[in-house]
Amino acid sequence: MALFGRGEKPGTAGSAAQPSGANPTMGRRAFCRICNDYRNFSKCWLRAVPLNRCMCCGTVFDSPAKFYQRSLPVCPKCGEYLEHPGFEYGVCDGCNSKFELVGGAKPGLLPNRKQREEMNRHGKAWSPD
């Protein structure tokens, strides 16, 4: 709403729902499997719509619905795990790892490219300890 004859500020219209399809949520404290301790997750968001583009490599998906038929959707080009709509995600303040935050359960790690390479090198059950 314009006050005193001033126009709208750029970027204020529709700021409640971000164009990326993610709505910011309140930060929380949760267990980080990489840090092996309870850490603050100050950057948290709720995925509102399916992703049309990979957040890692930028590949555009013609039909994202076919990726979301799987229980854990993956980008076909780079192997990045895609976020499900209706799920909450957060980034650990200590190690900057992305987790799926589920109430009443330990957060599920969504490994980035570097972490996936380490997991493939050491096996899927590798831990940094």
N, C-alpha and C. Protein backbone atom coordinates (compact mmCIF):
# COMPACT_ATOMS: atom_id res chain seq x y z
N MET A 1 0.84 -1.17 0.00
CA MET A 1 0.00 0.00 0.00
C MET A 1 0.88 1.23 0.00
N ALA A 2 0.60 2.16 -0.87
CA ALA A 2 1.38 3.38 -0.97
C ALA A 2 0.90 4.37 0.09
N LEU A 3 1.83 4.91 0.84
CA LEU A 3 1.52 5.90 1.85
C LEU A 3 2.07 7.25 1.44
N PHE A 4 1.29 8.28 1.64
CA PHE A 4 1.70 9.66 1.37
C PHE A 4 2.16 9.85 -0.07
N GLY A 5 1.48 9.21 -1.02
CA GLY A 5 1.77 9.41 -2.42
C GLY A 5 3.00 8.69 -2.93
N ARG A 6 3.63 7.89 -2.09
CA ARG A 6 4.82 7.17 -2.53
C ARG A 6 4.39 5.85 -3.17
N GLY A 7 5.11 5.43 -4.14
CA GLY A 7 4.80 4.17 -4.81
C GLY A 7 5.29 2.98 -4.00
N GLU A 8 4.93 1.81 -4.49
CA GLU A 8 5.38 0.57 -3.85
C GLU A 8 6.88 0.41 -4.01
N LYS A 9 7.50 -0.14 -2.98
CA LYS A 9 8.92 -0.44 -3.09
C LYS A 9 9.09 -1.67 -3.96
N PRO A 10 10.13 -1.71 -4.78
CA PRO A 10 10.31 -2.90 -5.60
C PRO A 10 10.58 -4.12 -4.73
N GLY A 11 9.91 -5.22 -5.06
CA GLY A 11 10.12 -6.47 -4.34
C GLY A 11 9.22 -6.67 -3.14
N THR A 12 8.34 -5.70 -2.80
CA THR A 12 7.48 -5.87 -1.64
C THR A 12 6.20 -6.61 -1.99
N ALA A 13 5.76 -6.54 -3.22
CA ALA A 13 4.52 -7.21 -3.59
C ALA A 13 4.75 -8.71 -3.64
N GLY A 14 3.95 -9.45 -2.90
CA GLY A 14 4.06 -10.90 -2.89
C GLY A 14 5.25 -11.42 -2.13
N SER A 15 5.72 -10.68 -1.14
CA SER A 15 6.91 -11.12 -0.41
C SER A 15 6.61 -12.26 0.55
N ALA A 16 5.33 -12.53 0.83
CA ALA A 16 4.99 -13.63 1.74
C ALA A 16 5.35 -14.98 1.11
N ALA A 17 5.09 -15.13 -0.17
CA ALA A 17 5.47 -16.35 -0.87
C ALA A 17 6.60 -16.02 -1.82
N GLN A 18 7.77 -16.55 -1.56
CA GLN A 18 8.93 -16.23 -2.36
C GLN A 18 8.78 -16.85 -3.75
N PRO A 19 9.38 -16.23 -4.77
CA PRO A 19 9.25 -16.76 -6.12
C PRO A 19 9.88 -18.14 -6.27
N SER A 20 10.78 -18.53 -5.37
CA SER A 20 11.41 -19.84 -5.47
C SER A 20 10.46 -20.94 -5.03
N GLY A 21 9.33 -20.61 -4.47
CA GLY A 21 8.37 -21.60 -4.01
C GLY A 21 8.65 -22.10 -2.62
N ALA A 22 9.47 -21.36 -1.86
CA ALA A 22 9.78 -21.74 -0.49
C ALA A 22 9.37 -20.61 0.44
N ASN A 23 8.71 -20.97 1.52
CA ASN A 23 8.29 -19.99 2.51
C ASN A 23 9.21 -20.10 3.72
N PRO A 24 9.83 -19.00 4.15
CA PRO A 24 10.72 -19.07 5.32
C PRO A 24 9.93 -19.42 6.58
N THR A 25 10.55 -20.21 7.44
CA THR A 25 9.95 -20.59 8.72
C THR A 25 10.90 -20.20 9.84
N MET A 26 10.44 -20.35 11.05
CA MET A 26 11.24 -19.99 12.21
C MET A 26 12.39 -20.98 12.38
N GLY A 27 13.56 -20.48 12.73
CA GLY A 27 14.71 -21.33 12.97
C GLY A 27 14.46 -22.26 14.15
N ARG A 28 15.27 -23.31 14.23
CA ARG A 28 15.11 -24.27 15.31
C ARG A 28 16.46 -24.86 15.68
N ARG A 29 16.44 -25.64 16.74
CA ARG A 29 17.63 -26.34 17.19
C ARG A 29 17.37 -27.82 16.96
N ALA A 30 18.30 -28.49 16.28
CA ALA A 30 18.11 -29.91 15.95
C ALA A 30 19.46 -30.61 15.93
N PHE A 31 19.42 -31.93 15.88
CA PHE A 31 20.63 -32.74 15.86
C PHE A 31 21.21 -32.77 14.45
N CYS A 32 22.50 -32.41 14.32
CA CYS A 32 23.20 -32.45 13.04
C CYS A 32 24.08 -33.69 13.04
N ARG A 33 23.87 -34.58 12.05
CA ARG A 33 24.65 -35.81 11.97
C ARG A 33 26.09 -35.55 11.56
N ILE A 34 26.35 -34.47 10.86
CA ILE A 34 27.71 -34.15 10.43
C ILE A 34 28.52 -33.60 11.60
N CYS A 35 27.93 -32.65 12.33
CA CYS A 35 28.60 -32.08 13.52
C CYS A 35 28.53 -33.03 14.71
N ASN A 36 27.61 -34.00 14.68
CA ASN A 36 27.38 -34.96 15.76
C ASN A 36 27.03 -34.26 17.07
N ASP A 37 26.17 -33.25 16.97
CA ASP A 37 25.76 -32.46 18.13
C ASP A 37 24.47 -31.71 17.78
N TYR A 38 23.80 -31.21 18.79
CA TYR A 38 22.64 -30.36 18.56
C TYR A 38 23.13 -28.97 18.15
N ARG A 39 22.64 -28.47 17.04
CA ARG A 39 23.06 -27.18 16.49
C ARG A 39 21.84 -26.32 16.16
N ASN A 40 22.09 -25.04 16.00
CA ASN A 40 21.04 -24.13 15.56
C ASN A 40 20.89 -24.22 14.05
N PHE A 41 19.65 -24.21 13.62
CA PHE A 41 19.30 -24.15 12.20
C PHE A 41 18.55 -22.83 12.02
N SER A 42 19.29 -21.74 11.79
CA SER A 42 18.65 -20.43 11.71
C SER A 42 17.99 -20.20 10.36
N LYS A 43 18.44 -20.87 9.31
CA LYS A 43 17.83 -20.72 7.99
C LYS A 43 16.97 -21.94 7.72
N CYS A 44 15.66 -21.79 7.84
CA CYS A 44 14.71 -22.88 7.63
C CYS A 44 13.62 -22.41 6.66
N TRP A 45 13.07 -23.33 5.89
CA TRP A 45 12.02 -22.98 4.94
C TRP A 45 11.11 -24.18 4.72
N LEU A 46 9.91 -23.88 4.26
CA LEU A 46 8.91 -24.89 3.91
C LEU A 46 8.75 -24.86 2.40
N ARG A 47 9.01 -25.96 1.74
CA ARG A 47 8.87 -26.04 0.29
C ARG A 47 7.38 -26.04 -0.05
N ALA A 48 6.93 -25.07 -0.82
CA ALA A 48 5.51 -24.92 -1.14
C ALA A 48 5.13 -25.60 -2.45
N VAL A 49 5.99 -25.53 -3.44
CA VAL A 49 5.70 -26.10 -4.76
C VAL A 49 6.88 -26.97 -5.21
N PRO A 50 6.64 -27.92 -6.11
CA PRO A 50 7.76 -28.74 -6.61
C PRO A 50 8.78 -27.87 -7.36
N LEU A 51 10.02 -28.30 -7.34
CA LEU A 51 11.07 -27.58 -8.04
C LEU A 51 10.97 -27.81 -9.55
N ASN A 52 11.11 -26.75 -10.33
CA ASN A 52 11.13 -26.84 -11.78
C ASN A 52 12.55 -26.81 -12.32
N ARG A 53 13.51 -26.49 -11.42
CA ARG A 53 14.90 -26.34 -11.81
C ARG A 53 15.77 -26.87 -10.67
N CYS A 54 16.85 -27.55 -11.03
CA CYS A 54 17.78 -28.07 -10.03
C CYS A 54 18.50 -26.90 -9.35
N MET A 55 18.56 -26.94 -8.02
CA MET A 55 19.20 -25.87 -7.27
C MET A 55 20.72 -25.94 -7.35
N CYS A 56 21.26 -27.07 -7.78
CA CYS A 56 22.71 -27.24 -7.84
C CYS A 56 23.26 -26.90 -9.23
N CYS A 57 22.76 -27.59 -10.27
CA CYS A 57 23.33 -27.40 -11.61
C CYS A 57 22.47 -26.50 -12.51
N GLY A 58 21.23 -26.20 -12.11
CA GLY A 58 20.38 -25.31 -12.89
C GLY A 58 19.62 -25.98 -14.02
N THR A 59 19.63 -27.30 -14.09
CA THR A 59 18.90 -28.03 -15.12
C THR A 59 17.40 -27.77 -14.97
N VAL A 60 16.74 -27.42 -16.07
CA VAL A 60 15.30 -27.17 -16.06
C VAL A 60 14.59 -28.49 -16.35
N PHE A 61 13.58 -28.81 -15.53
CA PHE A 61 12.82 -30.04 -15.68
C PHE A 61 11.57 -29.77 -16.51
N ASP A 62 11.41 -30.52 -17.60
CA ASP A 62 10.22 -30.36 -18.44
C ASP A 62 8.97 -30.86 -17.72
N SER A 63 9.08 -32.02 -17.07
CA SER A 63 7.95 -32.57 -16.32
C SER A 63 8.45 -33.01 -14.95
N PRO A 64 8.44 -32.08 -13.97
CA PRO A 64 8.95 -32.43 -12.64
C PRO A 64 8.11 -33.49 -11.94
N ALA A 65 6.88 -33.73 -12.37
CA ALA A 65 6.02 -34.71 -11.71
C ALA A 65 6.61 -36.11 -11.78
N LYS A 66 7.34 -36.44 -12.85
CA LYS A 66 7.90 -37.78 -12.95
C LYS A 66 9.03 -38.00 -11.94
N PHE A 67 9.74 -36.93 -11.54
CA PHE A 67 10.77 -37.06 -10.51
C PHE A 67 10.15 -37.23 -9.14
N TYR A 68 9.01 -36.59 -8.91
CA TYR A 68 8.37 -36.62 -7.60
C TYR A 68 7.53 -37.87 -7.38
N GLN A 69 7.48 -38.78 -8.34
CA GLN A 69 6.81 -40.07 -8.13
C GLN A 69 7.67 -40.96 -7.25
N ARG A 70 8.98 -40.73 -7.23
CA ARG A 70 9.90 -41.49 -6.37
C ARG A 70 9.79 -40.98 -4.94
N SER A 71 10.21 -41.82 -4.00
CA SER A 71 10.19 -41.38 -2.60
C SER A 71 11.29 -40.37 -2.33
N LEU A 72 12.41 -40.45 -3.07
CA LEU A 72 13.51 -39.51 -2.91
C LEU A 72 13.92 -39.03 -4.30
N PRO A 73 13.34 -37.91 -4.78
CA PRO A 73 13.64 -37.46 -6.14
C PRO A 73 15.07 -36.94 -6.27
N VAL A 74 15.67 -37.22 -7.43
CA VAL A 74 17.06 -36.86 -7.68
C VAL A 74 17.16 -36.20 -9.05
N CYS A 75 18.02 -35.19 -9.16
CA CYS A 75 18.29 -34.55 -10.46
C CYS A 75 18.99 -35.56 -11.36
N PRO A 76 18.52 -35.74 -12.60
CA PRO A 76 19.14 -36.73 -13.48
C PRO A 76 20.54 -36.34 -13.95
N LYS A 77 20.87 -35.06 -13.90
CA LYS A 77 22.17 -34.61 -14.41
C LYS A 77 23.26 -34.67 -13.35
N CYS A 78 23.00 -34.10 -12.16
CA CYS A 78 24.06 -33.98 -11.15
C CYS A 78 23.85 -34.86 -9.92
N GLY A 79 22.67 -35.44 -9.74
CA GLY A 79 22.42 -36.31 -8.60
C GLY A 79 21.99 -35.58 -7.34
N GLU A 80 21.71 -34.28 -7.43
CA GLU A 80 21.27 -33.49 -6.27
C GLU A 80 19.88 -33.96 -5.86
N TYR A 81 19.68 -34.13 -4.55
CA TYR A 81 18.37 -34.52 -4.03
C TYR A 81 17.43 -33.32 -4.09
N LEU A 82 16.23 -33.53 -4.59
CA LEU A 82 15.25 -32.45 -4.74
C LEU A 82 14.35 -32.40 -3.52
N GLU A 83 13.87 -31.20 -3.22
CA GLU A 83 13.01 -30.99 -2.05
C GLU A 83 11.56 -31.31 -2.39
N HIS A 84 10.87 -31.97 -1.46
CA HIS A 84 9.45 -32.30 -1.61
C HIS A 84 8.59 -31.13 -1.17
N PRO A 85 7.48 -30.85 -1.88
CA PRO A 85 6.55 -29.83 -1.40
C PRO A 85 5.87 -30.28 -0.12
N GLY A 86 5.68 -29.36 0.80
CA GLY A 86 5.04 -29.65 2.07
C GLY A 86 6.02 -30.08 3.15
N PHE A 87 7.29 -30.21 2.84
CA PHE A 87 8.29 -30.60 3.82
C PHE A 87 9.11 -29.38 4.24
N GLU A 88 9.61 -29.42 5.46
CA GLU A 88 10.42 -28.32 5.98
C GLU A 88 11.90 -28.70 5.90
N TYR A 89 12.72 -27.74 5.51
CA TYR A 89 14.15 -27.94 5.34
C TYR A 89 14.90 -26.88 6.12
N GLY A 90 16.15 -27.17 6.46
CA GLY A 90 16.98 -26.22 7.18
C GLY A 90 18.45 -26.48 6.92
N VAL A 91 19.26 -25.46 7.18
CA VAL A 91 20.70 -25.54 7.00
C VAL A 91 21.36 -25.37 8.35
N CYS A 92 22.27 -26.30 8.68
CA CYS A 92 22.99 -26.27 9.95
C CYS A 92 23.92 -25.06 9.97
N ASP A 93 23.91 -24.31 11.06
CA ASP A 93 24.78 -23.15 11.19
C ASP A 93 26.24 -23.55 11.37
N GLY A 94 26.49 -24.77 11.86
CA GLY A 94 27.86 -25.21 12.10
C GLY A 94 28.59 -25.67 10.86
N CYS A 95 27.97 -26.56 10.08
CA CYS A 95 28.67 -27.15 8.93
C CYS A 95 28.03 -26.81 7.58
N ASN A 96 26.91 -26.09 7.58
CA ASN A 96 26.23 -25.65 6.37
C ASN A 96 25.65 -26.83 5.56
N SER A 97 25.28 -27.92 6.24
CA SER A 97 24.65 -29.06 5.58
C SER A 97 23.14 -28.89 5.59
N LYS A 98 22.49 -29.35 4.51
CA LYS A 98 21.04 -29.21 4.39
C LYS A 98 20.35 -30.47 4.91
N PHE A 99 19.30 -30.26 5.72
CA PHE A 99 18.56 -31.36 6.32
C PHE A 99 17.08 -31.18 6.07
N GLU A 100 16.38 -32.32 6.02
CA GLU A 100 14.92 -32.33 6.00
C GLU A 100 14.48 -32.44 7.45
N LEU A 101 13.72 -31.47 7.92
CA LEU A 101 13.33 -31.40 9.33
C LEU A 101 11.92 -31.96 9.49
N VAL A 102 11.82 -33.05 10.25
CA VAL A 102 10.55 -33.71 10.50
C VAL A 102 10.30 -33.68 12.00
N GLY A 103 9.13 -33.21 12.41
CA GLY A 103 8.82 -33.13 13.82
C GLY A 103 8.82 -34.49 14.49
N GLY A 104 9.50 -34.59 15.65
CA GLY A 104 9.54 -35.83 16.40
C GLY A 104 10.55 -36.85 15.90
N ALA A 105 11.38 -36.50 14.93
CA ALA A 105 12.38 -37.41 14.39
C ALA A 105 13.69 -36.66 14.17
N LYS A 106 14.78 -37.41 14.05
CA LYS A 106 16.06 -36.77 13.74
C LYS A 106 16.02 -36.25 12.31
N PRO A 107 16.65 -35.12 12.06
CA PRO A 107 16.66 -34.58 10.70
C PRO A 107 17.34 -35.52 9.71
N GLY A 108 16.83 -35.55 8.50
CA GLY A 108 17.40 -36.38 7.44
C GLY A 108 18.32 -35.55 6.57
N LEU A 109 19.55 -36.00 6.41
CA LEU A 109 20.56 -35.27 5.63
C LEU A 109 20.24 -35.36 4.14
N LEU A 110 20.33 -34.22 3.46
CA LEU A 110 20.29 -34.17 2.00
C LEU A 110 21.70 -33.77 1.57
N PRO A 111 22.57 -34.73 1.29
CA PRO A 111 23.97 -34.42 1.04
C PRO A 111 24.18 -33.57 -0.21
N ASN A 112 25.13 -32.63 -0.10
CA ASN A 112 25.49 -31.81 -1.25
C ASN A 112 26.48 -32.59 -2.11
N ARG A 113 26.98 -32.00 -3.17
CA ARG A 113 27.84 -32.69 -4.11
C ARG A 113 29.12 -33.21 -3.45
N LYS A 114 29.76 -32.38 -2.63
CA LYS A 114 30.99 -32.78 -1.96
C LYS A 114 30.73 -33.96 -1.01
N GLN A 115 29.63 -33.89 -0.26
CA GLN A 115 29.29 -34.97 0.67
C GLN A 115 28.94 -36.26 -0.08
N ARG A 116 28.27 -36.14 -1.24
CA ARG A 116 27.94 -37.32 -2.03
C ARG A 116 29.20 -37.98 -2.57
N GLU A 117 30.18 -37.18 -3.00
CA GLU A 117 31.45 -37.73 -3.48
C GLU A 117 32.17 -38.47 -2.36
N GLU A 118 32.17 -37.92 -1.15
CA GLU A 118 32.79 -38.60 -0.01
C GLU A 118 32.05 -39.90 0.32
N MET A 119 30.74 -39.86 0.27
CA MET A 119 29.95 -41.06 0.56
C MET A 119 30.24 -42.15 -0.48
N ASN A 120 30.36 -41.78 -1.74
CA ASN A 120 30.64 -42.76 -2.78
C ASN A 120 32.06 -43.32 -2.64
N ARG A 121 32.97 -42.48 -2.18
CA ARG A 121 34.36 -42.93 -2.00
C ARG A 121 34.49 -43.90 -0.83
N HIS A 122 33.78 -43.63 0.27
CA HIS A 122 33.90 -44.44 1.48
C HIS A 122 32.75 -45.41 1.69
N GLY A 123 31.76 -45.37 0.86
CA GLY A 123 30.56 -46.18 1.07
C GLY A 123 29.46 -45.32 1.65
N LYS A 124 28.23 -45.76 1.55
CA LYS A 124 27.09 -44.93 1.95
C LYS A 124 27.00 -44.69 3.45
N ALA A 125 27.62 -45.53 4.27
CA ALA A 125 27.51 -45.38 5.73
C ALA A 125 28.68 -44.61 6.31
N TRP A 126 29.42 -43.86 5.50
CA TRP A 126 30.59 -43.12 5.95
C TRP A 126 30.17 -41.98 6.88
N SER A 127 30.98 -41.74 7.93
CA SER A 127 30.77 -40.59 8.80
C SER A 127 32.10 -39.86 8.94
N PRO A 128 32.09 -38.56 9.21
CA PRO A 128 33.33 -37.78 9.22
C PRO A 128 34.21 -38.05 10.44
N ASP A 129 33.80 -38.87 11.39
CA ASP A 129 34.60 -39.12 12.61
C ASP A 129 35.84 -39.90 12.33
